[in-house]
Amino acid sequence: MHSKNDDGDQKPGGKASRTFIEAARRRQIIDAAIEVIAEVGYAKLSFAKIAQRAKISPSLISYHFDDKRDLVVSLADDINKRLEQVLTAASAGAQSYRDVLRRVVMAFIRFADEQRAHLIALSQIASGTRDEAATSRIVDSNGAVSGWEELLAEGQRAGEFPAGDIRATALCIHGVLEFIPHELYTNPDTDVDRLSHAIADNIERMVIGDTTPPTSTDEPGKVRQP
């Protein structure tokens, strides 16, 4: 049995050439898998349950994905790609490293709000699989922490951030944001706009290391005046 990832018809970079209909079908299957994981957990995920949710036959899922691992890795790659696009767009046009810090923090929280079931699914997959190679692709915590370290180091070199333990600060930022999907999923009535500003304010204070009121960004490129 071969998934569409293994077809002989390959584009550069190893990705299979797919028609619009095939891509739409894969999207339908992935979305159904996310809903099933959110409802019953990763441990109980099966092609049969996904097929029932998507109202298709299990054999159609097998046509597009080799097995459960192939499906969940594709699911994770899809979510992570969208998140990366959102965070990259959020930092575009920033006037300072401090501005980048706020924008990225707030963009992540808003993405977590818009994609609650998706990020909870990622978390459940990561905690439920024993496949280390798959886990590293699903939730790349080391990569995320390294990204924060890079931003903090650049901010320090530019003189915007004071000297400090970059690794410890990056771990703190990552730890706070990592819990956000669970917080929003278990507390659906959370005022996300207020939460995103409050968390960005606190992270900014931690990084800057002073007691002056932080500058909050209500909209990209728009600074709230005191």
N, C-alpha and C. Protein backbone atom coordinates (compact mmCIF):
# COMPACT_ATOMS: atom_id res chain seq x y z
N MET A 1 0.85 -1.18 0.00
CA MET A 1 0.00 0.00 0.00
C MET A 1 0.89 1.24 0.00
N HIS A 2 0.54 2.23 -0.83
CA HIS A 2 1.35 3.43 -0.91
C HIS A 2 0.47 4.65 -0.79
N SER A 3 0.91 5.62 0.02
CA SER A 3 0.18 6.88 0.12
C SER A 3 0.52 7.72 -1.07
N LYS A 4 -0.18 8.84 -1.24
CA LYS A 4 0.12 9.74 -2.33
C LYS A 4 1.48 10.37 -2.17
N ASN A 5 2.03 10.34 -0.96
CA ASN A 5 3.38 10.85 -0.74
C ASN A 5 4.41 10.01 -1.46
N ASP A 6 4.06 8.75 -1.81
CA ASP A 6 5.03 7.83 -2.37
C ASP A 6 4.82 7.57 -3.86
N ASP A 7 3.97 8.36 -4.51
CA ASP A 7 3.73 8.17 -5.93
C ASP A 7 5.00 8.42 -6.73
N GLY A 8 5.06 7.81 -7.90
CA GLY A 8 6.19 8.06 -8.78
C GLY A 8 6.16 9.46 -9.36
N ASP A 9 4.97 10.08 -9.44
CA ASP A 9 4.84 11.42 -9.99
C ASP A 9 5.22 12.43 -8.92
N GLN A 10 6.48 12.87 -8.91
CA GLN A 10 6.98 13.72 -7.85
C GLN A 10 7.34 15.10 -8.37
N LYS A 11 7.09 16.10 -7.54
CA LYS A 11 7.57 17.44 -7.81
C LYS A 11 8.94 17.59 -7.19
N PRO A 12 9.71 18.64 -7.58
CA PRO A 12 10.99 18.89 -6.91
C PRO A 12 10.78 19.03 -5.42
N GLY A 13 11.69 18.49 -4.62
CA GLY A 13 11.55 18.55 -3.17
C GLY A 13 10.88 17.32 -2.62
N GLY A 14 10.47 16.38 -3.49
CA GLY A 14 9.94 15.12 -3.01
C GLY A 14 8.46 15.10 -2.76
N LYS A 15 7.74 16.19 -3.01
CA LYS A 15 6.32 16.22 -2.75
C LYS A 15 5.56 15.72 -3.98
N ALA A 16 4.56 14.89 -3.74
CA ALA A 16 3.81 14.32 -4.85
C ALA A 16 2.97 15.38 -5.54
N SER A 17 2.83 15.22 -6.83
CA SER A 17 1.95 16.10 -7.59
C SER A 17 0.52 15.67 -7.34
N ARG A 18 -0.30 16.60 -6.85
CA ARG A 18 -1.68 16.25 -6.52
C ARG A 18 -2.64 17.17 -7.25
N THR A 19 -3.77 16.64 -7.63
CA THR A 19 -4.81 17.45 -8.23
C THR A 19 -5.51 18.24 -7.14
N PHE A 20 -6.29 19.22 -7.55
CA PHE A 20 -7.05 20.02 -6.59
C PHE A 20 -7.98 19.13 -5.78
N ILE A 21 -8.61 18.16 -6.44
CA ILE A 21 -9.54 17.27 -5.74
C ILE A 21 -8.82 16.44 -4.69
N GLU A 22 -7.64 15.93 -5.02
CA GLU A 22 -6.87 15.14 -4.06
C GLU A 22 -6.48 15.98 -2.86
N ALA A 23 -6.05 17.22 -3.12
CA ALA A 23 -5.65 18.11 -2.02
C ALA A 23 -6.84 18.41 -1.12
N ALA A 24 -8.01 18.61 -1.73
CA ALA A 24 -9.21 18.90 -0.96
C ALA A 24 -9.61 17.69 -0.12
N ARG A 25 -9.43 16.49 -0.67
CA ARG A 25 -9.77 15.27 0.07
C ARG A 25 -8.83 15.09 1.26
N ARG A 26 -7.54 15.33 1.05
CA ARG A 26 -6.59 15.24 2.15
C ARG A 26 -6.94 16.25 3.24
N ARG A 27 -7.33 17.46 2.83
CA ARG A 27 -7.73 18.48 3.81
C ARG A 27 -8.95 18.00 4.59
N GLN A 28 -9.91 17.40 3.92
CA GLN A 28 -11.10 16.89 4.60
C GLN A 28 -10.73 15.82 5.63
N ILE A 29 -9.83 14.93 5.26
CA ILE A 29 -9.41 13.85 6.16
C ILE A 29 -8.66 14.41 7.37
N ILE A 30 -7.75 15.35 7.13
CA ILE A 30 -6.98 15.95 8.22
C ILE A 30 -7.90 16.69 9.18
N ASP A 31 -8.84 17.47 8.64
CA ASP A 31 -9.77 18.21 9.50
C ASP A 31 -10.63 17.26 10.33
N ALA A 32 -11.06 16.16 9.73
CA ALA A 32 -11.85 15.17 10.46
C ALA A 32 -11.01 14.52 11.56
N ALA A 33 -9.75 14.25 11.26
CA ALA A 33 -8.86 13.65 12.27
C ALA A 33 -8.68 14.58 13.46
N ILE A 34 -8.54 15.88 13.19
CA ILE A 34 -8.40 16.86 14.26
C ILE A 34 -9.63 16.85 15.16
N GLU A 35 -10.80 16.80 14.55
CA GLU A 35 -12.05 16.78 15.32
C GLU A 35 -12.15 15.52 16.17
N VAL A 36 -11.75 14.39 15.61
CA VAL A 36 -11.81 13.12 16.35
C VAL A 36 -10.85 13.15 17.53
N ILE A 37 -9.63 13.63 17.31
CA ILE A 37 -8.65 13.70 18.40
C ILE A 37 -9.15 14.60 19.51
N ALA A 38 -9.73 15.74 19.14
CA ALA A 38 -10.24 16.68 20.14
C ALA A 38 -11.38 16.06 20.94
N GLU A 39 -12.14 15.17 20.31
CA GLU A 39 -13.30 14.58 20.97
C GLU A 39 -12.96 13.35 21.80
N VAL A 40 -12.15 12.43 21.26
CA VAL A 40 -11.91 11.16 21.95
C VAL A 40 -10.45 10.94 22.35
N GLY A 41 -9.54 11.82 21.90
CA GLY A 41 -8.13 11.67 22.24
C GLY A 41 -7.36 10.92 21.17
N TYR A 42 -6.05 11.11 21.17
CA TYR A 42 -5.20 10.49 20.15
C TYR A 42 -5.19 8.97 20.26
N ALA A 43 -5.22 8.44 21.48
CA ALA A 43 -5.13 6.99 21.68
C ALA A 43 -6.27 6.24 20.99
N LYS A 44 -7.43 6.89 20.87
CA LYS A 44 -8.59 6.22 20.27
C LYS A 44 -8.79 6.61 18.80
N LEU A 45 -7.84 7.35 18.26
CA LEU A 45 -7.95 7.74 16.85
C LEU A 45 -7.80 6.51 15.95
N SER A 46 -8.67 6.39 14.97
CA SER A 46 -8.59 5.28 14.02
C SER A 46 -9.13 5.76 12.68
N PHE A 47 -8.74 5.06 11.63
CA PHE A 47 -9.25 5.40 10.31
C PHE A 47 -10.77 5.25 10.28
N ALA A 48 -11.29 4.28 11.02
CA ALA A 48 -12.74 4.06 11.04
C ALA A 48 -13.47 5.27 11.62
N LYS A 49 -12.94 5.81 12.73
CA LYS A 49 -13.57 6.97 13.35
C LYS A 49 -13.45 8.21 12.45
N ILE A 50 -12.29 8.36 11.82
CA ILE A 50 -12.11 9.49 10.91
C ILE A 50 -13.07 9.38 9.73
N ALA A 51 -13.19 8.18 9.19
CA ALA A 51 -14.09 7.95 8.06
C ALA A 51 -15.53 8.26 8.42
N GLN A 52 -15.92 7.85 9.63
CA GLN A 52 -17.28 8.12 10.09
C GLN A 52 -17.51 9.62 10.20
N ARG A 53 -16.53 10.35 10.74
CA ARG A 53 -16.67 11.80 10.89
C ARG A 53 -16.69 12.50 9.53
N ALA A 54 -15.83 12.06 8.62
CA ALA A 54 -15.74 12.70 7.30
C ALA A 54 -16.79 12.17 6.32
N LYS A 55 -17.49 11.11 6.73
CA LYS A 55 -18.51 10.48 5.89
C LYS A 55 -17.92 9.96 4.58
N ILE A 56 -16.80 9.25 4.74
CA ILE A 56 -16.14 8.61 3.61
C ILE A 56 -15.76 7.19 4.02
N SER A 57 -15.24 6.41 3.10
CA SER A 57 -14.85 5.04 3.43
C SER A 57 -13.42 5.01 3.99
N PRO A 58 -13.12 4.11 4.92
CA PRO A 58 -11.76 3.99 5.46
C PRO A 58 -10.73 3.72 4.36
N SER A 59 -11.14 3.01 3.31
CA SER A 59 -10.20 2.70 2.23
C SER A 59 -9.75 3.95 1.50
N LEU A 60 -10.59 4.98 1.49
CA LEU A 60 -10.21 6.23 0.85
C LEU A 60 -9.12 6.93 1.66
N ILE A 61 -9.19 6.81 2.98
CA ILE A 61 -8.13 7.37 3.83
C ILE A 61 -6.83 6.63 3.56
N SER A 62 -6.92 5.31 3.44
CA SER A 62 -5.72 4.50 3.18
C SER A 62 -5.10 4.83 1.82
N TYR A 63 -5.90 5.30 0.89
CA TYR A 63 -5.37 5.69 -0.41
C TYR A 63 -4.47 6.92 -0.28
N HIS A 64 -4.84 7.84 0.62
CA HIS A 64 -4.09 9.09 0.77
C HIS A 64 -2.99 9.01 1.82
N PHE A 65 -3.14 8.11 2.79
CA PHE A 65 -2.17 8.01 3.89
C PHE A 65 -1.84 6.54 4.14
N ASP A 66 -0.55 6.25 4.30
CA ASP A 66 -0.11 4.88 4.54
C ASP A 66 -0.70 4.28 5.81
N ASP A 67 -0.64 5.07 6.88
CA ASP A 67 -1.05 4.58 8.19
C ASP A 67 -1.31 5.77 9.10
N LYS A 68 -1.57 5.46 10.36
CA LYS A 68 -1.89 6.50 11.33
C LYS A 68 -0.73 7.48 11.49
N ARG A 69 0.49 6.98 11.50
CA ARG A 69 1.66 7.84 11.65
C ARG A 69 1.76 8.82 10.49
N ASP A 70 1.59 8.32 9.28
CA ASP A 70 1.65 9.17 8.09
C ASP A 70 0.62 10.28 8.17
N LEU A 71 -0.57 9.94 8.64
CA LEU A 71 -1.65 10.92 8.75
C LEU A 71 -1.33 11.99 9.78
N VAL A 72 -0.92 11.58 10.98
CA VAL A 72 -0.71 12.58 12.03
C VAL A 72 0.51 13.46 11.76
N VAL A 73 1.53 12.91 11.11
CA VAL A 73 2.68 13.74 10.75
C VAL A 73 2.27 14.77 9.70
N SER A 74 1.45 14.37 8.75
CA SER A 74 0.94 15.31 7.75
C SER A 74 0.08 16.37 8.41
N LEU A 75 -0.73 15.95 9.37
CA LEU A 75 -1.57 16.88 10.12
C LEU A 75 -0.71 17.91 10.85
N ALA A 76 0.32 17.43 11.52
CA ALA A 76 1.21 18.32 12.27
C ALA A 76 1.96 19.27 11.35
N ASP A 77 2.45 18.76 10.24
CA ASP A 77 3.17 19.61 9.28
C ASP A 77 2.27 20.73 8.78
N ASP A 78 1.01 20.41 8.55
CA ASP A 78 0.05 21.40 8.06
C ASP A 78 -0.17 22.51 9.08
N ILE A 79 -0.41 22.12 10.33
CA ILE A 79 -0.65 23.11 11.38
C ILE A 79 0.59 23.95 11.63
N ASN A 80 1.74 23.32 11.72
CA ASN A 80 2.98 24.05 11.99
C ASN A 80 3.32 25.02 10.86
N LYS A 81 3.03 24.63 9.63
CA LYS A 81 3.28 25.52 8.49
C LYS A 81 2.41 26.76 8.59
N ARG A 82 1.14 26.57 8.94
CA ARG A 82 0.24 27.71 9.07
C ARG A 82 0.66 28.63 10.20
N LEU A 83 1.10 28.03 11.31
CA LEU A 83 1.57 28.83 12.44
C LEU A 83 2.79 29.65 12.05
N GLU A 84 3.72 29.03 11.36
CA GLU A 84 4.93 29.73 10.93
C GLU A 84 4.59 30.92 10.03
N GLN A 85 3.63 30.73 9.15
CA GLN A 85 3.21 31.81 8.26
C GLN A 85 2.60 32.97 9.05
N VAL A 86 1.80 32.64 10.05
CA VAL A 86 1.16 33.67 10.88
C VAL A 86 2.21 34.46 11.66
N LEU A 87 3.17 33.78 12.27
CA LEU A 87 4.19 34.45 13.07
C LEU A 87 5.13 35.28 12.21
N THR A 88 5.45 34.78 11.02
CA THR A 88 6.30 35.54 10.10
C THR A 88 5.60 36.82 9.67
N ALA A 89 4.32 36.71 9.35
CA ALA A 89 3.56 37.89 8.94
C ALA A 89 3.44 38.89 10.08
N ALA A 90 3.31 38.39 11.30
CA ALA A 90 3.16 39.27 12.46
C ALA A 90 4.39 40.12 12.70
N SER A 91 5.56 39.55 12.44
CA SER A 91 6.81 40.28 12.71
C SER A 91 7.20 41.21 11.56
N ALA A 92 6.56 41.06 10.42
CA ALA A 92 6.90 41.90 9.26
C ALA A 92 6.56 43.37 9.56
N GLY A 93 7.48 44.24 9.28
CA GLY A 93 7.24 45.66 9.47
C GLY A 93 7.49 46.16 10.88
N ALA A 94 7.93 45.28 11.78
CA ALA A 94 8.22 45.70 13.15
C ALA A 94 9.36 46.70 13.16
N GLN A 95 9.28 47.68 14.04
CA GLN A 95 10.27 48.75 14.09
C GLN A 95 11.39 48.49 15.09
N SER A 96 11.24 47.45 15.89
CA SER A 96 12.26 47.16 16.91
C SER A 96 12.14 45.70 17.33
N TYR A 97 13.15 45.20 18.03
CA TYR A 97 13.09 43.83 18.55
C TYR A 97 12.01 43.72 19.63
N ARG A 98 11.81 44.79 20.36
CA ARG A 98 10.76 44.82 21.37
C ARG A 98 9.39 44.67 20.70
N ASP A 99 9.24 45.33 19.57
CA ASP A 99 7.99 45.24 18.82
C ASP A 99 7.80 43.83 18.27
N VAL A 100 8.88 43.22 17.77
CA VAL A 100 8.80 41.84 17.27
C VAL A 100 8.35 40.91 18.39
N LEU A 101 8.92 41.08 19.56
CA LEU A 101 8.59 40.25 20.72
C LEU A 101 7.09 40.29 21.00
N ARG A 102 6.54 41.49 21.08
CA ARG A 102 5.12 41.64 21.38
C ARG A 102 4.25 41.06 20.27
N ARG A 103 4.61 41.39 19.05
CA ARG A 103 3.79 40.95 17.92
C ARG A 103 3.73 39.43 17.83
N VAL A 104 4.86 38.77 18.00
CA VAL A 104 4.90 37.31 17.88
C VAL A 104 4.13 36.65 19.02
N VAL A 105 4.31 37.15 20.24
CA VAL A 105 3.59 36.60 21.39
C VAL A 105 2.08 36.71 21.18
N MET A 106 1.63 37.90 20.79
CA MET A 106 0.20 38.12 20.62
C MET A 106 -0.35 37.35 19.42
N ALA A 107 0.44 37.24 18.36
CA ALA A 107 -0.01 36.49 17.18
C ALA A 107 -0.18 35.01 17.51
N PHE A 108 0.73 34.47 18.32
CA PHE A 108 0.61 33.06 18.71
C PHE A 108 -0.67 32.84 19.51
N ILE A 109 -0.96 33.73 20.45
CA ILE A 109 -2.15 33.56 21.28
C ILE A 109 -3.42 33.65 20.43
N ARG A 110 -3.44 34.58 19.49
CA ARG A 110 -4.61 34.71 18.62
C ARG A 110 -4.76 33.49 17.71
N PHE A 111 -3.64 32.94 17.24
CA PHE A 111 -3.69 31.73 16.42
C PHE A 111 -4.22 30.57 17.27
N ALA A 112 -3.75 30.48 18.50
CA ALA A 112 -4.22 29.42 19.40
C ALA A 112 -5.72 29.54 19.65
N ASP A 113 -6.22 30.76 19.68
CA ASP A 113 -7.65 30.99 19.86
C ASP A 113 -8.43 30.53 18.63
N GLU A 114 -7.92 30.87 17.46
CA GLU A 114 -8.61 30.53 16.21
C GLU A 114 -8.51 29.05 15.87
N GLN A 115 -7.47 28.39 16.38
CA GLN A 115 -7.22 26.99 16.04
C GLN A 115 -7.16 26.14 17.31
N ARG A 116 -8.12 26.29 18.19
CA ARG A 116 -8.07 25.63 19.49
C ARG A 116 -7.98 24.10 19.36
N ALA A 117 -8.87 23.52 18.59
CA ALA A 117 -8.87 22.06 18.45
C ALA A 117 -7.59 21.57 17.78
N HIS A 118 -7.06 22.37 16.84
CA HIS A 118 -5.85 21.96 16.12
C HIS A 118 -4.65 21.84 17.05
N LEU A 119 -4.45 22.84 17.90
CA LEU A 119 -3.28 22.82 18.78
C LEU A 119 -3.43 21.81 19.91
N ILE A 120 -4.66 21.60 20.37
CA ILE A 120 -4.89 20.55 21.36
C ILE A 120 -4.59 19.19 20.73
N ALA A 121 -4.96 19.03 19.47
CA ALA A 121 -4.67 17.77 18.77
C ALA A 121 -3.17 17.54 18.69
N LEU A 122 -2.41 18.58 18.37
CA LEU A 122 -0.95 18.46 18.33
C LEU A 122 -0.40 18.01 19.67
N SER A 123 -0.90 18.63 20.73
CA SER A 123 -0.43 18.29 22.08
C SER A 123 -0.73 16.84 22.42
N GLN A 124 -1.93 16.38 22.09
CA GLN A 124 -2.32 15.01 22.40
C GLN A 124 -1.51 14.00 21.58
N ILE A 125 -1.24 14.34 20.33
CA ILE A 125 -0.44 13.45 19.49
C ILE A 125 0.97 13.33 20.05
N ALA A 126 1.55 14.47 20.40
CA ALA A 126 2.93 14.48 20.91
C ALA A 126 3.05 13.68 22.19
N SER A 127 2.05 13.78 23.07
CA SER A 127 2.12 13.06 24.34
C SER A 127 1.70 11.59 24.19
N GLY A 128 1.00 11.27 23.10
CA GLY A 128 0.49 9.92 22.95
C GLY A 128 1.32 8.99 22.09
N THR A 129 2.26 9.54 21.33
CA THR A 129 3.07 8.68 20.46
C THR A 129 4.43 8.39 21.09
N ARG A 130 4.94 7.20 20.81
CA ARG A 130 6.27 6.81 21.30
C ARG A 130 7.31 6.91 20.20
N ASP A 131 6.89 7.42 19.06
CA ASP A 131 7.77 7.57 17.91
C ASP A 131 8.53 8.89 18.06
N GLU A 132 9.78 8.84 18.50
CA GLU A 132 10.55 10.05 18.77
C GLU A 132 10.75 10.90 17.52
N ALA A 133 10.97 10.25 16.40
CA ALA A 133 11.18 10.99 15.15
C ALA A 133 9.92 11.77 14.77
N ALA A 134 8.77 11.12 14.94
CA ALA A 134 7.51 11.80 14.63
C ALA A 134 7.24 12.92 15.62
N THR A 135 7.52 12.67 16.90
CA THR A 135 7.29 13.68 17.93
C THR A 135 8.08 14.94 17.67
N SER A 136 9.33 14.80 17.23
CA SER A 136 10.17 15.97 16.98
C SER A 136 9.63 16.82 15.84
N ARG A 137 8.90 16.20 14.91
CA ARG A 137 8.28 16.95 13.82
C ARG A 137 6.95 17.55 14.25
N ILE A 138 6.27 16.89 15.15
CA ILE A 138 4.96 17.35 15.59
C ILE A 138 5.08 18.56 16.50
N VAL A 139 5.91 18.46 17.51
CA VAL A 139 6.12 19.56 18.45
C VAL A 139 7.62 19.77 18.61
N ASP A 140 8.16 20.73 17.91
CA ASP A 140 9.60 21.00 17.95
C ASP A 140 9.91 22.02 19.04
N SER A 141 9.86 21.58 20.30
CA SER A 141 10.10 22.49 21.42
C SER A 141 11.51 23.06 21.38
N ASN A 142 12.49 22.24 21.03
CA ASN A 142 13.86 22.73 20.97
C ASN A 142 14.01 23.83 19.93
N GLY A 143 13.35 23.63 18.79
CA GLY A 143 13.41 24.65 17.74
C GLY A 143 12.73 25.93 18.17
N ALA A 144 11.61 25.81 18.89
CA ALA A 144 10.89 26.99 19.35
C ALA A 144 11.72 27.78 20.35
N VAL A 145 12.33 27.08 21.30
CA VAL A 145 13.17 27.75 22.30
C VAL A 145 14.37 28.41 21.62
N SER A 146 14.96 27.73 20.66
CA SER A 146 16.10 28.30 19.93
C SER A 146 15.71 29.57 19.20
N GLY A 147 14.49 29.59 18.67
CA GLY A 147 14.01 30.80 18.00
C GLY A 147 13.91 31.98 18.95
N TRP A 148 13.42 31.73 20.16
CA TRP A 148 13.36 32.80 21.16
C TRP A 148 14.75 33.23 21.58
N GLU A 149 15.65 32.28 21.72
CA GLU A 149 17.04 32.61 22.07
C GLU A 149 17.66 33.53 21.02
N GLU A 150 17.40 33.23 19.77
CA GLU A 150 17.96 34.04 18.68
C GLU A 150 17.43 35.46 18.73
N LEU A 151 16.11 35.60 18.94
CA LEU A 151 15.52 36.94 19.03
C LEU A 151 16.09 37.72 20.21
N LEU A 152 16.19 37.07 21.36
CA LEU A 152 16.71 37.74 22.55
C LEU A 152 18.17 38.15 22.36
N ALA A 153 18.96 37.27 21.74
CA ALA A 153 20.37 37.59 21.51
C ALA A 153 20.52 38.77 20.56
N GLU A 154 19.72 38.80 19.51
CA GLU A 154 19.78 39.90 18.56
C GLU A 154 19.35 41.21 19.24
N GLY A 155 18.33 41.12 20.09
CA GLY A 155 17.88 42.30 20.82
C GLY A 155 18.95 42.83 21.76
N GLN A 156 19.68 41.91 22.39
CA GLN A 156 20.77 42.33 23.28
C GLN A 156 21.90 42.98 22.48
N ARG A 157 22.24 42.39 21.35
CA ARG A 157 23.32 42.96 20.53
C ARG A 157 22.95 44.35 20.00
N ALA A 158 21.66 44.55 19.75
CA ALA A 158 21.20 45.85 19.25
C ALA A 158 21.07 46.87 20.37
N GLY A 159 21.24 46.43 21.62
CA GLY A 159 21.14 47.34 22.75
C GLY A 159 19.72 47.59 23.22
N GLU A 160 18.74 46.84 22.68
CA GLU A 160 17.35 47.02 23.09
C GLU A 160 17.01 46.22 24.34
N PHE A 161 17.60 45.05 24.48
CA PHE A 161 17.36 44.20 25.63
C PHE A 161 18.59 44.21 26.52
N PRO A 162 18.41 44.28 27.84
CA PRO A 162 19.56 44.25 28.74
C PRO A 162 20.19 42.87 28.78
N ALA A 163 21.44 42.82 29.20
CA ALA A 163 22.13 41.53 29.32
C ALA A 163 21.40 40.65 30.33
N GLY A 164 21.36 39.37 30.06
CA GLY A 164 20.68 38.44 30.95
C GLY A 164 20.84 37.02 30.46
N ASP A 165 20.28 36.09 31.19
CA ASP A 165 20.36 34.67 30.83
C ASP A 165 19.37 34.39 29.70
N ILE A 166 19.87 34.36 28.49
CA ILE A 166 19.02 34.20 27.32
C ILE A 166 18.27 32.86 27.35
N ARG A 167 18.97 31.80 27.68
CA ARG A 167 18.35 30.47 27.70
C ARG A 167 17.20 30.41 28.69
N ALA A 168 17.42 30.90 29.89
CA ALA A 168 16.38 30.86 30.92
C ALA A 168 15.16 31.68 30.49
N THR A 169 15.41 32.84 29.91
CA THR A 169 14.31 33.70 29.48
C THR A 169 13.52 33.04 28.34
N ALA A 170 14.24 32.43 27.40
CA ALA A 170 13.58 31.75 26.28
C ALA A 170 12.72 30.60 26.78
N LEU A 171 13.22 29.86 27.76
CA LEU A 171 12.45 28.75 28.32
C LEU A 171 11.17 29.25 29.00
N CYS A 172 11.27 30.38 29.68
CA CYS A 172 10.10 30.96 30.34
C CYS A 172 9.04 31.37 29.32
N ILE A 173 9.47 32.04 28.26
CA ILE A 173 8.53 32.47 27.22
C ILE A 173 7.85 31.26 26.59
N HIS A 174 8.65 30.27 26.23
CA HIS A 174 8.10 29.06 25.59
C HIS A 174 7.14 28.34 26.53
N GLY A 175 7.50 28.26 27.80
CA GLY A 175 6.64 27.57 28.76
C GLY A 175 5.28 28.23 28.90
N VAL A 176 5.26 29.56 28.93
CA VAL A 176 3.99 30.28 29.03
C VAL A 176 3.13 30.03 27.79
N LEU A 177 3.71 30.19 26.62
CA LEU A 177 2.94 30.05 25.39
C LEU A 177 2.50 28.61 25.14
N GLU A 178 3.31 27.66 25.57
CA GLU A 178 2.97 26.25 25.39
C GLU A 178 1.68 25.87 26.11
N PHE A 179 1.38 26.57 27.21
CA PHE A 179 0.19 26.25 27.99
C PHE A 179 -1.07 26.93 27.45
N ILE A 180 -0.90 27.94 26.58
CA ILE A 180 -2.03 28.72 26.09
C ILE A 180 -3.11 27.88 25.42
N PRO A 181 -2.79 26.95 24.51
CA PRO A 181 -3.86 26.16 23.88
C PRO A 181 -4.74 25.43 24.90
N HIS A 182 -4.12 24.85 25.92
CA HIS A 182 -4.89 24.16 26.96
C HIS A 182 -5.77 25.15 27.72
N GLU A 183 -5.23 26.31 28.04
CA GLU A 183 -5.99 27.33 28.76
C GLU A 183 -7.23 27.75 27.97
N LEU A 184 -7.06 28.01 26.69
CA LEU A 184 -8.18 28.46 25.87
C LEU A 184 -9.18 27.35 25.62
N TYR A 185 -8.70 26.12 25.50
CA TYR A 185 -9.59 25.00 25.23
C TYR A 185 -10.45 24.67 26.45
N THR A 186 -9.87 24.79 27.63
CA THR A 186 -10.61 24.47 28.86
C THR A 186 -11.41 25.66 29.38
N ASN A 187 -11.08 26.86 28.91
CA ASN A 187 -11.81 28.07 29.31
C ASN A 187 -12.25 28.81 28.05
N PRO A 188 -13.27 28.29 27.37
CA PRO A 188 -13.67 28.83 26.07
C PRO A 188 -14.16 30.27 26.09
N ASP A 189 -14.56 30.78 27.26
CA ASP A 189 -15.08 32.15 27.34
C ASP A 189 -13.99 33.18 27.66
N THR A 190 -12.74 32.77 27.60
CA THR A 190 -11.63 33.68 27.89
C THR A 190 -11.66 34.89 26.97
N ASP A 191 -11.41 36.08 27.54
CA ASP A 191 -11.25 37.30 26.74
C ASP A 191 -9.85 37.24 26.14
N VAL A 192 -9.75 36.77 24.92
CA VAL A 192 -8.45 36.51 24.30
C VAL A 192 -7.67 37.79 24.05
N ASP A 193 -8.35 38.86 23.66
CA ASP A 193 -7.64 40.12 23.42
C ASP A 193 -6.99 40.62 24.71
N ARG A 194 -7.75 40.57 25.79
CA ARG A 194 -7.20 41.00 27.08
C ARG A 194 -6.06 40.08 27.52
N LEU A 195 -6.24 38.78 27.34
CA LEU A 195 -5.21 37.82 27.74
C LEU A 195 -3.93 38.03 26.94
N SER A 196 -4.06 38.24 25.63
CA SER A 196 -2.87 38.40 24.79
C SER A 196 -2.08 39.65 25.18
N HIS A 197 -2.78 40.74 25.49
CA HIS A 197 -2.09 41.95 25.92
C HIS A 197 -1.42 41.75 27.28
N ALA A 198 -2.12 41.11 28.20
CA ALA A 198 -1.57 40.91 29.54
C ALA A 198 -0.33 40.03 29.50
N ILE A 199 -0.37 38.96 28.73
CA ILE A 199 0.79 38.07 28.64
C ILE A 199 1.95 38.77 27.94
N ALA A 200 1.65 39.50 26.86
CA ALA A 200 2.71 40.24 26.17
C ALA A 200 3.33 41.28 27.10
N ASP A 201 2.51 41.95 27.90
CA ASP A 201 3.03 42.93 28.86
C ASP A 201 3.99 42.28 29.85
N ASN A 202 3.58 41.14 30.39
CA ASN A 202 4.41 40.46 31.40
C ASN A 202 5.70 39.91 30.80
N ILE A 203 5.62 39.35 29.60
CA ILE A 203 6.83 38.85 28.94
C ILE A 203 7.76 40.01 28.62
N GLU A 204 7.19 41.11 28.19
CA GLU A 204 8.02 42.28 27.87
C GLU A 204 8.73 42.79 29.12
N ARG A 205 8.03 42.85 30.23
CA ARG A 205 8.67 43.28 31.49
C ARG A 205 9.81 42.34 31.86
N MET A 206 9.57 41.04 31.70
CA MET A 206 10.60 40.06 32.03
C MET A 206 11.84 40.25 31.16
N VAL A 207 11.64 40.51 29.89
CA VAL A 207 12.77 40.64 28.96
C VAL A 207 13.48 41.96 29.13
N ILE A 208 12.72 43.03 29.21
CA ILE A 208 13.32 44.37 29.30
C ILE A 208 13.96 44.58 30.66
N GLY A 209 13.34 44.03 31.70
CA GLY A 209 13.94 44.11 33.02
C GLY A 209 13.76 45.44 33.71
N ASP A 210 12.72 46.21 33.35
CA ASP A 210 12.47 47.46 34.06
C ASP A 210 11.01 47.50 34.51
N THR A 211 10.63 48.57 35.16
CA THR A 211 9.28 48.68 35.70
C THR A 211 8.45 49.72 34.95
N THR A 212 8.95 50.22 33.83
CA THR A 212 8.19 51.20 33.06
C THR A 212 7.04 50.51 32.37
N PRO A 213 5.91 51.22 32.21
CA PRO A 213 4.76 50.59 31.55
C PRO A 213 5.12 50.15 30.14
N PRO A 214 4.80 48.92 29.76
CA PRO A 214 5.12 48.45 28.41
C PRO A 214 4.24 49.10 27.36
N THR A 215 4.72 49.14 26.14
CA THR A 215 3.95 49.66 25.03
C THR A 215 3.18 48.51 24.41
N SER A 216 1.85 48.63 24.39
CA SER A 216 1.02 47.55 23.86
C SER A 216 0.64 47.84 22.42
N THR A 217 0.71 46.83 21.59
CA THR A 217 0.35 46.95 20.18
C THR A 217 -1.05 46.39 19.99
N ASP A 218 -2.02 47.27 19.73
CA ASP A 218 -3.38 46.82 19.51
C ASP A 218 -3.55 46.22 18.12
N GLU A 219 -2.86 46.82 17.15
CA GLU A 219 -2.91 46.35 15.78
C GLU A 219 -1.51 46.42 15.22
N PRO A 220 -1.21 45.58 14.23
CA PRO A 220 0.12 45.64 13.62
C PRO A 220 0.45 47.04 13.15
N GLY A 221 1.57 47.56 13.62
CA GLY A 221 2.02 48.88 13.20
C GLY A 221 1.35 50.03 13.92
N LYS A 222 0.47 49.73 14.89
CA LYS A 222 -0.24 50.77 15.60
C LYS A 222 0.10 50.68 17.08
N VAL A 223 0.65 51.76 17.63
CA VAL A 223 1.10 51.75 19.01
C VAL A 223 0.09 52.45 19.90
N ARG A 224 -0.24 51.82 21.01
CA ARG A 224 -1.16 52.42 21.97
C ARG A 224 -0.44 53.52 22.73
N GLN A 225 -1.02 54.70 22.76
CA GLN A 225 -0.41 55.82 23.47
C GLN A 225 -0.80 55.79 24.93
N PRO A 226 0.15 56.17 25.84
CA PRO A 226 -0.17 56.15 27.27
C PRO A 226 -1.18 57.22 27.64
